[in-house]
PDB file of N, CA and C in Angstrom:
ATOM      1  N   MET A   1      98.871 137.154  78.432  1.00  0.00           N
ATOM      2  CA  MET A   1      97.620 137.762  79.677  1.00  0.00           C
ATOM      3  C   MET A   1      96.803 137.362  79.970  1.00  0.00           C
ATOM      4  N   ASP A   2      96.190 136.578  78.945  1.00  0.00           N
ATOM      5  CA  ASP A   2      95.122 136.147  78.687  1.00  0.00           C
ATOM      6  C   ASP A   2      95.056 134.732  79.294  1.00  0.00           C
ATOM      7  N   ILE A   3      96.055 134.072  79.419  1.00  0.00           N
ATOM      8  CA  ILE A   3      96.176 133.051  80.154  1.00  0.00           C
ATOM      9  C   ILE A   3      95.908 132.930  81.348  1.00  0.00           C
ATOM     10  N   LEU A   4      96.062 134.461  82.326  1.00  0.00           N
ATOM     11  CA  LEU A   4      95.447 133.927  83.949  1.00  0.00           C
ATOM     12  C   LEU A   4      93.954 133.673  84.088  1.00  0.00           C
ATOM     13  N   TYR A   5      93.269 134.381  82.850  1.00  0.00           N
ATOM     14  CA  TYR A   5      91.639 133.731  83.056  1.00  0.00           C
ATOM     15  C   TYR A   5      91.602 132.480  83.152  1.00  0.00           C
ATOM     16  N   LEU A   6      92.675 131.504  82.527  1.00  0.00           N
ATOM     17  CA  LEU A   6      92.510 130.335  82.803  1.00  0.00           C
ATOM     18  C   LEU A   6      93.345 129.831  83.831  1.00  0.00           C
ATOM     19  N   LEU A   7      94.748 130.244  84.520  1.00  0.00           N
ATOM     20  CA  LEU A   7      95.555 129.217  85.053  1.00  0.00           C
ATOM     21  C   LEU A   7      94.464 129.633  86.952  1.00  0.00           C
ATOM     22  N   ILE A   8      94.339 131.015  86.718  1.00  0.00           N
ATOM     23  CA  ILE A   8      93.786 131.236  88.275  1.00  0.00           C
ATOM     24  C   ILE A   8      92.804 130.290  88.719  1.00  0.00           C
ATOM     25  N   PRO A   9      91.514 130.066  87.615  1.00  0.00           N
ATOM     26  CA  PRO A   9      90.630 129.200  88.354  1.00  0.00           C
ATOM     27  C   PRO A   9      91.027 127.985  88.567  1.00  0.00           C
ATOM     28  N   LEU A  10      91.619 127.554  87.475  1.00  0.00           N
ATOM     29  CA  LEU A  10      92.550 126.204  87.672  1.00  0.00           C
ATOM     30  C   LEU A  10      93.185 125.696  88.928  1.00  0.00           C
ATOM     31  N   SER A  11      93.957 126.761  89.205  1.00  0.00           N
ATOM     32  CA  SER A  11      94.637 126.665  90.706  1.00  0.00           C
ATOM     33  C   SER A  11      93.908 126.456  91.643  1.00  0.00           C
ATOM     34  N   ALA A  12      92.859 127.448  91.295  1.00  0.00           N
ATOM     35  CA  ALA A  12      91.882 127.644  93.042  1.00  0.00           C
ATOM     36  C   ALA A  12      91.004 126.111  93.211  1.00  0.00           C
ATOM     37  N   VAL A  13      90.989 125.479  91.768  1.00  0.00           N
ATOM     38  CA  VAL A  13      90.597 124.592  92.035  1.00  0.00           C
ATOM     39  C   VAL A  13      91.647 123.160  92.148  1.00  0.00           C
ATOM     40  N   LEU A  14      92.466 123.326  91.824  1.00  0.00           N
ATOM     41  CA  LEU A  14      93.728 122.324  92.435  1.00  0.00           C
ATOM     42  C   LEU A  14      93.475 122.554  94.181  1.00  0.00           C
ATOM     43  N   VAL A  15      93.360 123.733  94.593  1.00  0.00           N
ATOM     44  CA  VAL A  15      94.100 124.181  95.828  1.00  0.00           C
ATOM     45  C   VAL A  15      92.540 123.551  96.423  1.00  0.00           C
ATOM     46  N   LEU A  16      91.368 123.327  96.177  1.00  0.00           N
ATOM     47  CA  LEU A  16      90.128 122.847  96.937  1.00  0.00           C
ATOM     48  C   LEU A  16      90.269 121.289  96.803  1.00  0.00           C
ATOM     49  N   ILE A  17      91.195 120.924  95.788  1.00  0.00           N
ATOM     50  CA  ILE A  17      90.768 119.154  95.818  1.00  0.00           C
ATOM     51  C   ILE A  17      92.020 118.874  96.321  1.00  0.00           C
ATOM     52  N   ILE A  18      92.622 119.631  96.699  1.00  0.00           N
ATOM     53  CA  ILE A  18      94.261 118.840  97.545  1.00  0.00           C
ATOM     54  C   ILE A  18      93.752 119.607  99.020  1.00  0.00           C
ATOM     55  N   LEU A  19      92.799 120.010  99.197  1.00  0.00           N
ATOM     56  CA  LEU A  19      92.183 120.446 100.712  1.00  0.00           C
ATOM     57  C   LEU A  19      91.076 119.243 101.186  1.00  0.00           C
ATOM     58  N   GLY A  20      90.563 118.878  99.951  1.00  0.00           N
ATOM     59  CA  GLY A  20      89.632 117.656 100.407  1.00  0.00           C
ATOM     60  C   GLY A  20      90.167 116.640 100.666  1.00  0.00           C
ATOM     61  N   VAL A  21      91.555 116.348 100.086  1.00  0.00           N
ATOM     62  CA  VAL A  21      91.821 115.208 100.133  1.00  0.00           C
ATOM     63  C   VAL A  21      92.696 115.040 101.466  1.00  0.00           C
ATOM     64  N   PHE A  22      93.608 116.213 102.263  1.00  0.00           N
ATOM     65  CA  PHE A  22      93.800 116.482 103.553  1.00  0.00           C
ATOM     66  C   PHE A  22      92.982 116.135 104.482  1.00  0.00           C
ATOM     67  N   GLY A  23      91.528 117.038 104.094  1.00  0.00           N
ATOM     68  CA  GLY A  23      90.964 116.993 105.173  1.00  0.00           C
ATOM     69  C   GLY A  23      90.438 115.266 105.337  1.00  0.00           C
ATOM     70  N   TRP A  24      90.092 114.780 104.225  1.00  0.00           N
ATOM     71  CA  TRP A  24      89.683 113.517 104.272  1.00  0.00           C
ATOM     72  C   TRP A  24      90.567 112.453 104.796  1.00  0.00           C
ATOM     73  N   ALA A  25      92.022 112.734 104.773  1.00  0.00           N
ATOM     74  CA  ALA A  25      93.011 111.909 105.080  1.00  0.00           C
ATOM     75  C   ALA A  25      92.934 112.198 106.277  1.00  0.00           C
ATOM     76  N   LEU A  26      92.575 113.295 107.167  1.00  0.00           N
ATOM     77  CA  LEU A  26      92.571 113.582 108.446  1.00  0.00           C
ATOM     78  C   LEU A  26      91.304 112.958 109.210  1.00  0.00           C
ATOM     79  N   HIS A  27      89.946 112.935 108.399  1.00  0.00           N
ATOM     80  CA  HIS A  27      88.928 112.549 108.786  1.00  0.00           C
ATOM     81  C   HIS A  27      89.235 111.150 109.671  1.00  0.00           C
ATOM     82  N   ARG A  28      89.912 110.576 108.017  1.00  0.00           N
ATOM     83  CA  ARG A  28      89.832 109.030 108.368  1.00  0.00           C
ATOM     84  C   ARG A  28      90.912 108.375 109.618  1.00  0.00           C
ATOM     85  N   GLY A  29      91.810 109.000 109.663  1.00  0.00           N
ATOM     86  CA  GLY A  29      92.476 109.032 110.942  1.00  0.00           C
ATOM     87  C   GLY A  29      94.075 108.644 110.285  1.00  0.00           C
ATOM     88  N   GLN A  30      93.966 108.861 108.954  1.00  0.00           N
ATOM     89  CA  GLN A  30      95.904 108.648 108.344  1.00  0.00           C
ATOM     90  C   GLN A  30      96.643 109.173 109.314  1.00  0.00           C
ATOM     91  N   PHE A  31      96.817 110.323 110.084  1.00  0.00           N
ATOM     92  CA  PHE A  31      97.696 110.782 110.589  1.00  0.00           C
ATOM     93  C   PHE A  31      97.741 110.155 111.984  1.00  0.00           C
ATOM     94  N   GLU A  32      97.007 109.474 112.264  1.00  0.00           N
ATOM     95  CA  GLU A  32      97.040 108.956 113.889  1.00  0.00           C
ATOM     96  C   GLU A  32      98.365 108.222 114.123  1.00  0.00           C
ATOM     97  N   ASP A  33      99.038 108.023 115.247  1.00  0.00           N
ATOM     98  CA  ASP A  33     100.104 106.986 115.815  1.00  0.00           C
ATOM     99  C   ASP A  33     101.064 107.117 114.519  1.00  0.00           C
ATOM    100  N   LEU A  34     101.579 107.825 114.548  1.00  0.00           N
ATOM    101  CA  LEU A  34     102.921 108.055 113.284  1.00  0.00           C
ATOM    102  C   LEU A  34     103.860 106.820 113.313  1.00  0.00           C
ATOM    103  N   GLU A  35     104.299 107.392 115.103  1.00  0.00           N
ATOM    104  CA  GLU A  35     105.340 106.429 115.004  1.00  0.00           C
ATOM    105  C   GLU A  35     105.434 104.989 114.667  1.00  0.00           C
ATOM    106  N   HIS A  36     103.821 104.485 115.607  1.00  0.00           N
ATOM    107  CA  HIS A  36     103.958 102.999 115.344  1.00  0.00           C
ATOM    108  C   HIS A  36     103.793 102.333 114.220  1.00  0.00           C
ATOM    109  N   GLU A  37     103.464 103.317 113.300  1.00  0.00           N
ATOM    110  CA  GLU A  37     103.458 102.624 111.848  1.00  0.00           C
ATOM    111  C   GLU A  37     104.937 102.468 111.306  1.00  0.00           C
ATOM    112  N   GLY A  38     105.820 103.486 111.697  1.00  0.00           N
ATOM    113  CA  GLY A  38     107.358 103.287 111.326  1.00  0.00           C
ATOM    114  C   GLY A  38     107.831 102.196 112.060  1.00  0.00           C
ATOM    115  N   GLU A  39     107.776 102.184 112.851  1.00  0.00           N
ATOM    116  CA  GLU A  39     108.045 100.704 113.817  1.00  0.00           C
ATOM    117  C   GLU A  39     107.646  99.193 113.540  1.00  0.00           C
ATOM    118  N   ARG A  40     106.387  99.317 113.104  1.00  0.00           N
ATOM    119  CA  ARG A  40     105.863  98.022 112.393  1.00  0.00           C
ATOM    120  C   ARG A  40     106.488  97.153 111.817  1.00  0.00           C
ATOM    121  N   ILE A  41     107.297  97.690 110.117  1.00  0.00           N
ATOM    122  CA  ILE A  41     108.012  96.931 109.800  1.00  0.00           C
ATOM    123  C   ILE A  41     109.048  96.538 110.426  1.00  0.00           C
ATOM    124  N   LEU A  42     109.292  96.806 111.665  1.00  0.00           N
ATOM    125  CA  LEU A  42     110.430  95.926 112.377  1.00  0.00           C
ATOM    126  C   LEU A  42     110.194  95.309 113.472  1.00  0.00           C
ATOM    127  N   GLN A  43     108.783  94.677 113.413  1.00  0.00           N
ATOM    128  CA  GLN A  43     108.443  93.562 114.354  1.00  0.00           C
ATOM    129  C   GLN A  43     107.839  92.183 113.588  1.00  0.00           C
ATOM    130  N   ASP A  44     107.959  91.358 114.167  1.00  0.00           N
ATOM    131  CA  ASP A  44     108.007  90.269 113.665  1.00  0.00           C
ATOM    132  C   ASP A  44     106.767  89.436 113.443  1.00  0.00           C
ATOM    133  N   ASP A  45     106.476  89.034 112.373  1.00  0.00           N
ATOM    134  CA  ASP A  45     104.899  88.928 111.897  1.00  0.00           C
ATOM    135  C   ASP A  45     104.893  87.379 112.186  1.00  0.00           C
ATOM    136  N   ASP A  46     103.796  87.038 113.128  1.00  0.00           N
ATOM    137  CA  ASP A  46     103.318  85.816 113.715  1.00  0.00           C
ATOM    138  C   ASP A  46     101.945  85.491 113.191  1.00  0.00           C
ATOM    139  N   GLY A  47     101.756  86.019 112.038  1.00  0.00           N
ATOM    140  CA  GLY A  47     100.164  85.814 111.326  1.00  0.00           C
ATOM    141  C   GLY A  47     100.533  84.538 111.065  1.00  0.00           C
ATOM    142  N   PRO A  48      99.060  84.216 110.473  1.00  0.00           N
ATOM    143  CA  PRO A  48      99.332  83.036 109.073  1.00  0.00           C
ATOM    144  C   PRO A  48     100.215  83.148 108.124  1.00  0.00           C
ATOM    145  N   VAL A  49     100.828  82.087 107.616  1.00  0.00           N
ATOM    146  CA  VAL A  49     101.286  82.021 106.733  1.00  0.00           C
ATOM    147  C   VAL A  49     100.679  82.048 105.243  1.00  0.00           C
ATOM    148  N   ASP A  50     100.961  82.382 104.102  1.00  0.00           N
ATOM    149  CA  ASP A  50     100.151  82.423 103.390  1.00  0.00           C
ATOM    150  C   ASP A  50     100.590  80.888 102.398  1.00  0.00           C
ATOM    151  N   SER A  51      99.959  80.689 101.358  1.00  0.00           N
ATOM    152  CA  SER A  51     100.401  79.353 100.506  1.00  0.00           C
ATOM    153  C   SER A  51     101.745  79.125 100.107  1.00  0.00           C
ATOM    154  N   HIS A  52     102.197  80.097  99.592  1.00  0.00           N
ATOM    155  CA  HIS A  52     103.834  79.825  98.803  1.00  0.00           C
ATOM    156  C   HIS A  52     104.734  79.766 100.156  1.00  0.00           C
ATOM    157  N   GLN A  53     104.513  80.287 101.420  1.00  0.00           N
ATOM    158  CA  GLN A  53     105.689  79.872 102.411  1.00  0.00           C
ATOM    159  C   GLN A  53     104.888  78.629 102.844  1.00  0.00           C
ATOM    160  N   ALA A  54     104.128  78.210 102.712  1.00  0.00           N
ATOM    161  CA  ALA A  54     103.875  76.945 103.457  1.00  0.00           C
ATOM    162  C   ALA A  54     104.311  75.773 102.529  1.00  0.00           C
ATOM    163  N   LEU A  55     104.488  75.967 101.042  1.00  0.00           N
ATOM    164  CA  LEU A  55     104.761  75.557 100.343  1.00  0.00           C
ATOM    165  C   LEU A  55     106.404  74.771 100.414  1.00  0.00           C
ATOM    166  N   LEU A  56     107.085  76.026 100.599  1.00  0.00           N
ATOM    167  CA  LEU A  56     108.509  76.319 100.893  1.00  0.00           C
ATOM    168  C   LEU A  56     108.798  75.471 102.209  1.00  0.00           C
ATOM    169  N   GLN A  57     108.068  75.362 103.444  1.00  0.00           N
ATOM    170  CA  GLN A  57     108.196  74.742 104.828  1.00  0.00           C
ATOM    171  C   GLN A  57     107.555  73.080 104.625  1.00  0.00           C
ATOM    172  N   ILE A  58     107.507  72.521 103.499  1.00  0.00           N
ATOM    173  CA  ILE A  58     107.166  70.940 103.483  1.00  0.00           C
ATOM    174  C   ILE A  58     108.094  70.394 103.394  1.00  0.00           C
ATOM    175  N   LYS A  59     108.288  69.082 104.287  1.00  0.00           N
ATOM    176  CA  LYS A  59     109.302  68.114 104.645  1.00  0.00           C
ATOM    177  C   LYS A  59     109.311  67.545 103.419  1.00  0.00           C
ATOM    178  N   PRO A  60     111.101  67.094 102.825  1.00  0.00           N
ATOM    179  CA  PRO A  60     111.167  66.132 101.595  1.00  0.00           C
ATOM    180  C   PRO A  60     109.908  64.782 101.475  1.00  0.00           C
ATOM    181  N   GLU A  61     110.183  64.599 102.754  1.00  0.00           N
ATOM    182  CA  GLU A  61     109.150  62.809 102.671  1.00  0.00           C
ATOM    183  C   GLU A  61     107.928  63.219 102.368  1.00  0.00           C
ATOM    184  N   GLN A  62     107.014  64.443 102.762  1.00  0.00           N
ATOM    185  CA  GLN A  62     105.705  64.951 102.429  1.00  0.00           C
ATOM    186  C   GLN A  62     105.747  64.935 100.702  1.00  0.00           C
ATOM    187  N   SER A  63     106.840  65.919 100.456  1.00  0.00           N
ATOM    188  CA  SER A  63     106.633  66.585  98.711  1.00  0.00           C
ATOM    189  C   SER A  63     106.445  65.234  97.596  1.00  0.00           C
ATOM    190  N   SER A  64     106.285  63.769  98.590  1.00  0.00           N
ATOM    191  CA  SER A  64     106.501  62.934  97.283  1.00  0.00           C
ATOM    192  C   SER A  64     105.049  62.856  96.801  1.00  0.00           C
ATOM    193  N   ASN A  65     104.004  63.560  98.020  1.00  0.00           N
ATOM    194  CA  ASN A  65     102.505  63.355  97.996  1.00  0.00           C
ATOM    195  C   ASN A  65     102.124  64.244  96.653  1.00  0.00           C
ATOM    196  N   LEU A  66     103.054  65.428  96.951  1.00  0.00           N
ATOM    197  CA  LEU A  66     102.238  66.719  96.052  1.00  0.00           C
ATOM    198  C   LEU A  66     102.916  66.338  94.520  1.00  0.00           C
ATOM    199  N   LEU A  67     103.834  65.904  93.988  1.00  0.00           N
ATOM    200  CA  LEU A  67     104.110  65.707  92.563  1.00  0.00           C
ATOM    201  C   LEU A  67     103.270  64.424  91.843  1.00  0.00           C
ATOM    202  N   PRO A  68     103.203  64.212  90.737  1.00  0.00           N
ATOM    203  CA  PRO A  68     102.688  63.043  90.098  1.00  0.00           C
ATOM    204  C   PRO A  68     103.538  61.810  90.011  1.00  0.00           C
ATOM    205  N   GLU A  69     103.480  60.792  89.894  1.00  0.00           N
ATOM    206  CA  GLU A  69     104.493  59.976  89.893  1.00  0.00           C
ATOM    207  C   GLU A  69     105.086  59.824  88.403  1.00  0.00           C
ATOM    208  N   ARG A  70     106.513  59.803  88.238  1.00  0.00           N
ATOM    209  CA  ARG A  70     107.162  59.931  86.848  1.00  0.00           C
ATOM    210  C   ARG A  70     107.120  58.282  86.651  1.00  0.00           C
ATOM    211  N   ARG A  71     106.564  58.352  85.319  1.00  0.00           N
ATOM    212  CA  ARG A  71     106.921  56.335  84.360  1.00  0.00           C
ATOM    213  C   ARG A  71     108.165  56.402  83.684  1.00  0.00           C
ATOM    214  N   GLU A  72     108.391  55.374  83.553  1.00  0.00           N
ATOM    215  CA  GLU A  72     109.761  55.086  82.853  1.00  0.00           C
ATOM    216  C   GLU A  72     109.256  55.200  81.655  1.00  0.00           C
ATOM    217  N   GLU A  73     110.222  56.004  81.019  1.00  0.00           N
ATOM    218  CA  GLU A  73     109.893  55.881  79.474  1.00  0.00           C
ATOM    219  C   GLU A  73     110.698  54.867  78.885  1.00  0.00           C
ATOM    220  N   LYS A  74     110.163  53.956  77.573  1.00  0.00           N
ATOM    221  CA  LYS A  74     110.611  52.867  76.728  1.00  0.00           C
ATOM    222  C   LYS A  74     111.321  53.753  75.699  1.00  0.00           C
ATOM    223  N   PRO A  75     112.712  53.378  75.370  1.00  0.00           N
ATOM    224  CA  PRO A  75     112.686  53.559  74.100  1.00  0.00           C
ATOM    225  C   PRO A  75     111.984  53.205  73.154  1.00  0.00           C
ATOM    226  N   TYR A  76     112.063  54.017  72.086  1.00  0.00           N
ATOM    227  CA  TYR A  76     111.015  53.863  70.975  1.00  0.00           C
ATOM    228  C   TYR A  76     111.343  52.614  69.506  1.00  0.00           C
ATOM    229  N   GLY A  77     110.325  51.509  69.568  1.00  0.00           N
ATOM    230  CA  GLY A  77     110.781  50.873  68.723  1.00  0.00           C
ATOM    231  C   GLY A  77     110.808  49.684  69.843  1.00  0.00           C
ATOM    232  N   SER A  78     110.993  49.606  71.102  1.00  0.00           N
ATOM    233  CA  SER A  78     111.074  48.384  72.112  1.00  0.00           C
ATOM    234  C   SER A  78     109.717  47.750  72.742  1.00  0.00           C
TER     235      SER A  78
END
């Protein structure tokens, strides 16, 4: 029965924290335009490509400029 003296205040604090986070989310507009956010994943992204995608789009004749030249290795003792 003594545990109720701990659990009731802890649950009240937890409820206040949850209400505070919910109020913050409402104030910051987190719940505005929910339909558009669900459809945004389906739209094409025409923004700038990142460096990894830019490297994937390099033509083969351009790739020789990116790699260091290979030297012919001579057998040992020649």
